[in-house]
């Protein structure tokens, strides 16, 4: 056995060293070429974006191509040659899959780069980004599946197994369909969302009582960033089956309201003047809407609504807090007696029974 091993090593000595030298030379040339290209090109150009995204994968593919070429050129009677060729082919398929995934991801980055968020065009840019990122992820899943299938087909036993599986493909397909139903439903829901655009990246949504932004859209779920920096993970299918609020569907402008209860003796005009002063002193107000109305009343107080506008939901929330605090402070300082009060009448039951009014009857 030792003699056979020694004979095999001697047979592989020259072809092995030659193959290793060819792979090393290919790697060195590739790295030098990559450095020169990066030195003389702008990192923001489209070809450079593709190159930077797939640089490592392309380097591995180049080395494996040379290795496969060298193995095909060596004498066919070398020991273990078939196994090494199969291994090199398998690694080449995996490397090509890796490179294809990286290049496909670069397509998404390039499209987003070519459609920046410009003033007045944010809606179109976010629509393109949402559709592109989802479609790229779906394409990456397809590439990985095809790559793994091609890698498995390099094994003879798998090819023979495939022929036998074709006979039971109908039953297997039904079983696989039931097993993969959640994944497939999310993929189809994601495709529908990408085409119909009920929301986009950075849209402001109100989902399950949470005020949040769309941070990421994957092939199966959506990552929502809640206002307190928590992350809400929601399956794509949920958005198809349940209603939700989109606060920036067409524009990001928002109307905000503040409700205050005051006594009936409170004059409205001073509140209207103070409300206007607070709005003009706030940088969150966009100058479009300023309205004060008495919207409700009860047996004890009346409700006043202060309506205002802001460029987006975040500034609308800040503006509402500023106005609410300012109005409450103003009423406390200027009209403290006009805060909501509870009125009651004290009645002398003895005087009522005698039918004559009592001196104790009073209101407060």
Protein backbone atom coordinates (compact mmCIF):
# COMPACT_ATOMS: atom_id res chain seq x y z
CA UNK A 1 0.00 0.00 0.00
CA UNK A 2 2.84 2.37 0.82
CA UNK A 3 4.39 1.60 -2.52
CA UNK A 4 1.13 2.40 -4.33
CA UNK A 5 0.85 5.66 -2.41
CA UNK A 6 4.42 6.57 -3.27
CA UNK A 7 3.78 5.75 -6.91
CA UNK A 8 0.66 7.93 -6.91
CA UNK A 9 2.49 10.85 -5.35
CA UNK A 10 5.29 10.59 -7.86
CA UNK A 11 2.74 10.51 -10.69
CA UNK A 12 1.00 13.62 -9.34
CA UNK A 13 4.17 15.55 -8.50
CA UNK A 14 4.65 17.38 -11.78
CA UNK A 15 0.95 17.80 -12.73
CA UNK A 16 0.11 18.89 -9.18
CA UNK A 17 2.89 21.48 -8.97
CA UNK A 18 2.00 22.74 -12.44
CA UNK A 19 -1.66 23.10 -11.50
CA UNK A 20 -0.86 24.88 -8.23
CA UNK A 21 1.55 27.24 -10.01
CA UNK A 22 -1.10 28.02 -12.66
CA UNK A 23 -3.74 28.73 -9.99
CA UNK A 24 -1.32 30.93 -8.01
CA UNK A 25 -0.29 32.84 -11.12
CA UNK A 26 -3.95 33.34 -12.05
CA UNK A 27 -4.72 34.71 -8.59
CA UNK A 28 -1.76 37.11 -8.68
CA UNK A 29 -2.67 38.37 -12.15
CA UNK A 30 -6.30 38.80 -11.10
CA UNK A 31 -5.37 40.78 -8.00
CA UNK A 32 -3.03 43.03 -9.98
CA UNK A 33 -5.65 43.61 -12.66
CA UNK A 34 -8.26 44.36 -9.99
CA UNK A 35 -5.96 46.87 -8.29
CA UNK A 36 -5.25 48.63 -11.60
CA UNK A 37 -8.92 48.82 -12.51
CA UNK A 38 -9.82 50.23 -9.11
CA UNK A 39 -7.01 52.76 -9.33
CA UNK A 40 -8.00 54.16 -12.72
CA UNK A 41 -11.80 54.03 -12.42
CA UNK A 42 -14.33 55.93 -10.37
CA UNK A 43 -15.94 53.90 -7.59
CA UNK A 44 -19.36 55.41 -8.41
CA UNK A 45 -19.58 54.19 -12.00
CA UNK A 46 -21.90 51.31 -12.88
CA UNK A 47 -19.20 48.81 -14.04
CA UNK A 48 -17.21 49.52 -10.89
CA UNK A 49 -20.24 48.81 -8.70
CA UNK A 50 -20.63 45.41 -10.35
CA UNK A 51 -16.91 44.68 -10.01
CA UNK A 52 -16.72 45.63 -6.34
CA UNK A 53 -19.78 43.57 -5.51
CA UNK A 54 -18.48 40.35 -7.11
CA UNK A 55 -14.69 40.83 -6.87
CA UNK A 56 -14.00 37.95 -4.47
CA UNK A 57 -16.39 35.57 -6.18
CA UNK A 58 -14.93 36.33 -9.62
CA UNK A 59 -11.43 35.72 -8.28
CA UNK A 60 -12.45 32.28 -7.00
CA UNK A 61 -14.17 31.51 -10.32
CA UNK A 62 -11.04 32.46 -12.28
CA UNK A 63 -8.81 30.20 -10.17
CA UNK A 64 -11.24 27.27 -10.40
CA UNK A 65 -11.55 27.67 -14.17
CA UNK A 66 -7.78 27.40 -14.50
CA UNK A 67 -7.73 24.42 -12.14
CA UNK A 68 -10.39 22.61 -14.16
CA UNK A 69 -8.47 23.33 -17.34
CA UNK A 70 -5.25 21.96 -15.87
CA UNK A 71 -6.98 18.81 -14.58
CA UNK A 72 -8.48 18.16 -17.99
CA UNK A 73 -5.01 18.44 -19.59
CA UNK A 74 -3.19 15.98 -17.29
CA UNK A 75 -2.79 12.31 -18.30
CA UNK A 76 -5.98 10.33 -17.86
CA UNK A 77 -4.34 7.42 -16.02
CA UNK A 78 -3.44 9.40 -12.90
CA UNK A 79 -4.88 7.96 -9.69
CA UNK A 80 -7.87 9.73 -8.12
CA UNK A 81 -8.14 11.97 -11.19
CA UNK A 82 -11.90 11.41 -11.59
CA UNK A 83 -12.60 12.35 -7.98
CA UNK A 84 -10.48 15.49 -8.18
CA UNK A 85 -12.14 16.55 -11.42
CA UNK A 86 -15.58 16.05 -9.90
CA UNK A 87 -14.57 18.05 -6.81
CA UNK A 88 -13.17 20.87 -8.94
CA UNK A 89 -16.34 20.94 -11.04
CA UNK A 90 -18.50 21.03 -7.91
CA UNK A 91 -16.50 23.92 -6.47
CA UNK A 92 -16.69 25.76 -9.79
CA UNK A 93 -20.49 25.45 -9.87
CA UNK A 94 -20.74 26.75 -6.31
CA UNK A 95 -18.38 29.62 -7.12
CA UNK A 96 -20.39 30.53 -10.23
CA UNK A 97 -23.56 30.52 -8.11
CA UNK A 98 -21.87 32.80 -5.59
CA UNK A 99 -20.74 35.17 -8.35
CA UNK A 100 -24.20 35.20 -9.93
CA UNK A 101 -25.82 36.06 -6.58
CA UNK A 102 -23.34 38.89 -6.01
CA UNK A 103 -23.86 40.28 -9.52
CA UNK A 104 -27.62 40.07 -9.15
CA UNK A 105 -27.43 41.93 -5.85
CA UNK A 106 -25.31 44.54 -7.59
CA UNK A 107 -28.10 45.04 -10.12
CA UNK A 108 -30.32 46.16 -7.28
CA UNK A 109 -27.68 48.51 -5.93
CA UNK A 110 -27.07 49.98 -9.39
CA UNK A 111 -30.77 50.61 -10.00
CA UNK A 112 -31.12 52.29 -6.62
CA UNK A 113 -27.96 54.30 -7.34
CA UNK A 114 -29.35 55.46 -10.68
CA UNK A 115 -32.64 56.52 -9.08
CA UNK A 116 -31.66 58.66 -6.08
CA UNK A 117 -34.20 60.35 -3.84
CA UNK A 118 -34.42 63.82 -5.36
CA UNK A 119 -36.50 66.77 -4.26
CA UNK A 120 -40.06 66.21 -5.42
CA UNK A 121 -39.32 62.70 -6.77
CA UNK A 122 -39.08 60.70 -3.55
CA UNK A 123 -42.22 58.70 -4.36
CA UNK A 124 -40.85 57.33 -7.64
CA UNK A 125 -37.40 56.61 -6.15
CA UNK A 126 -38.83 54.65 -3.20
CA UNK A 127 -41.17 52.74 -5.50
CA UNK A 128 -38.25 51.67 -7.71
CA UNK A 129 -36.15 50.72 -4.66
CA UNK A 130 -38.90 48.58 -3.12
CA UNK A 131 -39.66 46.72 -6.35
CA UNK A 132 -35.99 46.24 -7.20
CA UNK A 133 -34.93 44.89 -3.82
CA UNK A 134 -37.76 42.38 -3.68
CA UNK A 135 -37.28 41.15 -7.26
CA UNK A 136 -33.52 40.85 -6.74
CA UNK A 137 -34.07 38.70 -3.63
CA UNK A 138 -36.47 36.46 -5.53
CA UNK A 139 -33.95 36.12 -8.35
CA UNK A 140 -31.21 35.27 -5.85
CA UNK A 141 -33.36 32.50 -4.38
CA UNK A 142 -33.90 31.10 -7.88
CA UNK A 143 -30.16 31.26 -8.66
CA UNK A 144 -29.27 29.44 -5.43
CA UNK A 145 -31.82 26.71 -6.15
CA UNK A 146 -30.49 26.23 -9.69
CA UNK A 147 -26.89 26.25 -8.45
CA UNK A 148 -27.54 23.65 -5.79
CA UNK A 149 -29.39 21.52 -8.33
CA UNK A 150 -26.49 21.72 -10.77
CA UNK A 151 -24.05 20.85 -7.98
CA UNK A 152 -26.07 17.79 -6.98
CA UNK A 153 -26.23 16.63 -10.59
CA UNK A 154 -22.46 16.16 -10.57
CA UNK A 155 -23.01 13.04 -8.47
CA UNK A 156 -23.96 9.95 -10.43
CA UNK A 157 -26.19 8.59 -7.67
CA UNK A 158 -28.24 11.78 -7.65
CA UNK A 159 -28.79 11.60 -11.43
CA UNK A 160 -30.06 8.03 -11.09
CA UNK A 161 -32.26 9.04 -8.18
CA UNK A 162 -33.75 11.86 -10.26
CA UNK A 163 -35.02 9.42 -12.87
CA UNK A 164 -36.84 7.39 -10.23
CA UNK A 165 -38.27 10.49 -8.61
CA UNK A 166 -39.91 11.60 -11.84
CA UNK A 167 -42.37 8.72 -11.54
CA UNK A 168 -43.63 10.04 -8.18
CA UNK A 169 -43.36 13.72 -9.05
CA UNK A 170 -47.15 14.25 -8.84
CA UNK A 171 -47.52 13.02 -5.27
CA UNK A 172 -44.26 14.61 -4.22
CA UNK A 173 -45.32 17.92 -5.70
CA UNK A 174 -48.56 17.89 -3.74
CA UNK A 175 -46.75 17.05 -0.50
CA UNK A 176 -44.11 19.69 -1.17
CA UNK A 177 -46.79 22.24 -1.98
CA UNK A 178 -48.53 21.71 1.37
CA UNK A 179 -45.22 21.76 3.24
CA UNK A 180 -44.02 24.93 1.53
CA UNK A 181 -47.38 26.71 1.54
CA UNK A 182 -46.36 29.44 4.06
CA UNK A 183 -43.17 30.20 2.13
CA UNK A 184 -44.91 30.20 -1.25
CA UNK A 185 -47.77 32.36 0.02
CA UNK A 186 -45.30 34.92 1.33
CA UNK A 187 -43.39 34.89 -1.97
CA UNK A 188 -46.60 35.44 -3.94
CA UNK A 189 -47.71 38.12 -1.49
CA UNK A 190 -44.35 39.83 -1.89
CA UNK A 191 -44.72 39.76 -5.66
CA UNK A 192 -48.16 41.34 -5.34
CA UNK A 193 -46.83 44.02 -2.98
CA UNK A 194 -43.91 44.77 -5.30
CA UNK A 195 -46.28 45.28 -8.25
CA UNK A 196 -49.18 47.08 -6.55
CA UNK A 197 -47.06 49.14 -4.10
CA UNK A 198 -49.35 49.49 -1.04
CA UNK A 199 -46.19 50.68 0.76
CA UNK A 200 -42.58 51.47 -0.08
CA UNK A 201 -39.24 51.70 1.68
CA UNK A 202 -39.32 54.51 4.32
CA UNK A 203 -43.12 54.80 4.21
CA UNK A 204 -44.76 55.59 7.56
CA UNK A 205 -47.25 52.87 8.56
CA UNK A 206 -49.60 52.36 11.49
CA UNK A 207 -49.61 48.59 12.06
CA UNK A 208 -51.19 46.78 15.02
CA UNK A 209 -51.22 49.92 17.13
CA UNK A 210 -47.59 50.77 16.32
CA UNK A 211 -46.35 53.88 14.52
CA UNK A 212 -43.41 52.72 12.40
CA UNK A 213 -41.35 53.09 9.22
CA UNK A 214 -40.72 50.46 6.53
CA UNK A 215 -37.02 49.70 6.98
CA UNK A 216 -36.51 46.55 4.88
CA UNK A 217 -38.57 44.35 2.56
CA UNK A 218 -37.30 40.76 2.20
CA UNK A 219 -38.67 37.88 0.17
CA UNK A 220 -40.90 36.66 3.03
CA UNK A 221 -41.28 39.43 5.64
CA UNK A 222 -41.10 43.18 6.23
CA UNK A 223 -38.93 44.83 8.89
CA UNK A 224 -40.71 47.82 10.47
CA UNK A 225 -38.79 50.29 12.63
CA UNK A 226 -41.01 51.45 15.49
CA UNK A 227 -40.67 55.03 16.74
CA UNK A 228 -38.82 53.86 19.87
CA UNK A 229 -36.28 51.93 17.68
CA UNK A 230 -37.85 48.51 18.21
CA UNK A 231 -38.16 46.30 15.13
CA UNK A 232 -41.49 44.74 14.16
CA UNK A 233 -41.18 41.70 11.86
CA UNK A 234 -44.38 41.12 9.88
CA UNK A 235 -44.89 38.38 7.23
CA UNK A 236 -45.75 39.67 3.77
CA UNK A 237 -48.96 37.65 3.73
CA UNK A 238 -50.24 39.68 6.70
CA UNK A 239 -50.31 42.86 4.60
CA UNK A 240 -52.47 41.13 1.99
CA UNK A 241 -54.99 39.80 4.50
CA UNK A 242 -55.21 42.68 7.01
CA UNK A 243 -55.88 46.42 6.76
CA UNK A 244 -53.19 48.90 7.80
CA UNK A 245 -52.66 52.64 7.62
CA UNK A 246 -50.10 54.22 5.27
CA UNK A 247 -49.41 57.79 6.36
CA UNK A 248 -47.17 58.62 3.39
CA UNK A 249 -48.91 56.84 0.50
CA UNK A 250 -49.01 59.85 -1.82
CA UNK A 251 -47.53 62.65 0.28
CA UNK A 252 -45.85 62.81 3.66
CA UNK A 253 -47.94 65.82 4.79
CA UNK A 254 -49.87 65.21 7.99
CA UNK A 255 -52.66 66.95 9.89
CA UNK A 256 -52.34 66.95 13.66
CA UNK A 257 -54.97 67.65 16.30
CA UNK A 258 -54.91 68.73 19.94
CA UNK A 259 -58.07 68.51 22.08
CA UNK A 260 -58.48 70.57 25.26
CA UNK A 261 -61.45 70.67 27.64
CA UNK A 262 -62.20 74.06 29.24
CA UNK A 263 -65.01 75.63 31.18
CA UNK A 264 -67.95 77.29 29.38
CA UNK A 265 -66.75 80.68 30.61
CA UNK A 266 -63.49 80.39 28.66
CA UNK A 267 -63.32 82.89 25.73
CA UNK A 268 -62.23 81.33 22.43
CA UNK A 269 -60.49 84.28 20.77
CA UNK A 270 -57.53 84.43 23.20
CA UNK A 271 -56.95 80.70 22.66
CA UNK A 272 -57.08 81.20 18.90
CA UNK A 273 -54.51 84.01 19.13
CA UNK A 274 -52.19 82.00 21.39
CA UNK A 275 -52.51 78.97 19.10
CA UNK A 276 -51.42 81.05 16.11
CA UNK A 277 -48.46 82.42 18.07
CA UNK A 278 -47.32 78.93 19.05
CA UNK A 279 -47.53 77.72 15.44
CA UNK A 280 -45.50 80.64 14.06
CA UNK A 281 -42.85 80.11 16.72
CA UNK A 282 -42.50 76.41 15.87
CA UNK A 283 -40.23 75.20 13.06
CA UNK A 284 -42.34 72.03 12.69
CA UNK A 285 -45.36 73.93 11.27
CA UNK A 286 -45.51 74.12 7.46
CA UNK A 287 -47.83 77.14 7.39
CA UNK A 288 -50.77 75.44 5.62
CA UNK A 289 -53.45 74.60 8.20
CA UNK A 290 -54.42 76.60 11.32
CA UNK A 291 -57.92 76.02 12.67
CA UNK A 292 -59.63 76.30 16.07
CA UNK A 293 -63.12 74.84 16.59
CA UNK A 294 -65.41 73.89 19.46
CA UNK A 295 -66.08 70.26 18.56
CA UNK A 296 -67.92 68.90 21.61
CA UNK A 297 -69.61 69.87 24.84
CA UNK A 298 -70.83 68.14 27.97
CA UNK A 299 -72.76 69.14 31.08
CA UNK A 300 -69.48 70.30 32.66
CA UNK A 301 -67.13 71.62 29.95
CA UNK A 302 -66.61 72.16 26.24
CA UNK A 303 -64.02 70.57 23.98
CA UNK A 304 -61.87 72.71 21.68
CA UNK A 305 -59.99 71.19 18.73
CA UNK A 306 -56.79 72.77 17.46
CA UNK A 307 -55.97 71.56 13.93
CA UNK A 308 -52.51 72.08 12.42
CA UNK A 309 -50.34 70.69 9.58
CA UNK A 310 -46.74 69.47 9.37
CA UNK A 311 -44.42 68.16 6.62
CA UNK A 312 -44.40 64.58 7.96
CA UNK A 313 -45.63 62.38 10.79
CA UNK A 314 -42.58 62.87 13.03
CA UNK A 315 -42.81 66.65 12.93
CA UNK A 316 -46.59 66.45 13.33
CA UNK A 317 -46.15 64.55 16.60
CA UNK A 318 -43.58 67.05 17.87
CA UNK A 319 -45.79 69.98 16.87
CA UNK A 320 -48.80 68.53 18.68
CA UNK A 321 -46.79 68.09 21.88
CA UNK A 322 -45.43 71.65 21.67
CA UNK A 323 -48.89 73.15 21.06
CA UNK A 324 -50.56 71.08 23.78
CA UNK A 325 -47.96 72.08 26.37
CA UNK A 326 -48.10 75.74 25.33
CA UNK A 327 -51.90 75.96 25.47
CA UNK A 328 -52.14 74.26 28.86
CA UNK A 329 -49.48 76.62 30.25
CA UNK A 330 -51.30 79.62 28.79
CA UNK A 331 -54.64 78.64 30.35
CA UNK A 332 -52.99 77.96 33.71
CA UNK A 333 -51.36 81.40 33.74
CA UNK A 334 -53.97 83.62 32.05
CA UNK A 335 -57.30 81.86 32.75
CA UNK A 336 -56.85 79.48 35.67
CA UNK A 337 -60.49 79.88 36.73
CA UNK A 338 -61.62 78.69 33.28
CA UNK A 339 -60.23 75.19 33.70
CA UNK A 340 -62.93 72.47 33.76
CA UNK A 341 -64.93 72.56 37.00
CA UNK A 342 -67.55 70.36 38.58
CA UNK A 343 -70.72 72.28 39.59
CA UNK A 344 -73.06 71.14 42.32
CA UNK A 345 -76.04 72.53 44.25
CA UNK A 346 -76.45 71.97 47.98
CA UNK A 347 -80.12 71.63 48.88
CA UNK A 348 -81.71 71.71 52.38
CA UNK A 349 -84.08 68.76 52.40
CA UNK A 350 -86.10 70.19 55.35
CA UNK A 351 -86.71 73.43 53.49
CA UNK A 352 -87.77 71.52 50.41
CA UNK A 353 -90.26 69.49 52.39
CA UNK A 354 -91.80 72.68 53.89
CA UNK A 355 -92.09 74.19 50.44
CA UNK A 356 -90.14 77.41 51.32
CA UNK A 357 -86.74 78.32 49.92
CA UNK A 358 -83.78 78.00 52.23
CA UNK A 359 -80.93 80.48 52.76
CA UNK A 360 -78.52 77.57 52.41
CA UNK A 361 -79.43 77.08 48.73
CA UNK A 362 -76.40 78.09 46.78
CA UNK A 363 -74.41 76.99 43.81
CA UNK A 364 -70.69 76.54 43.52
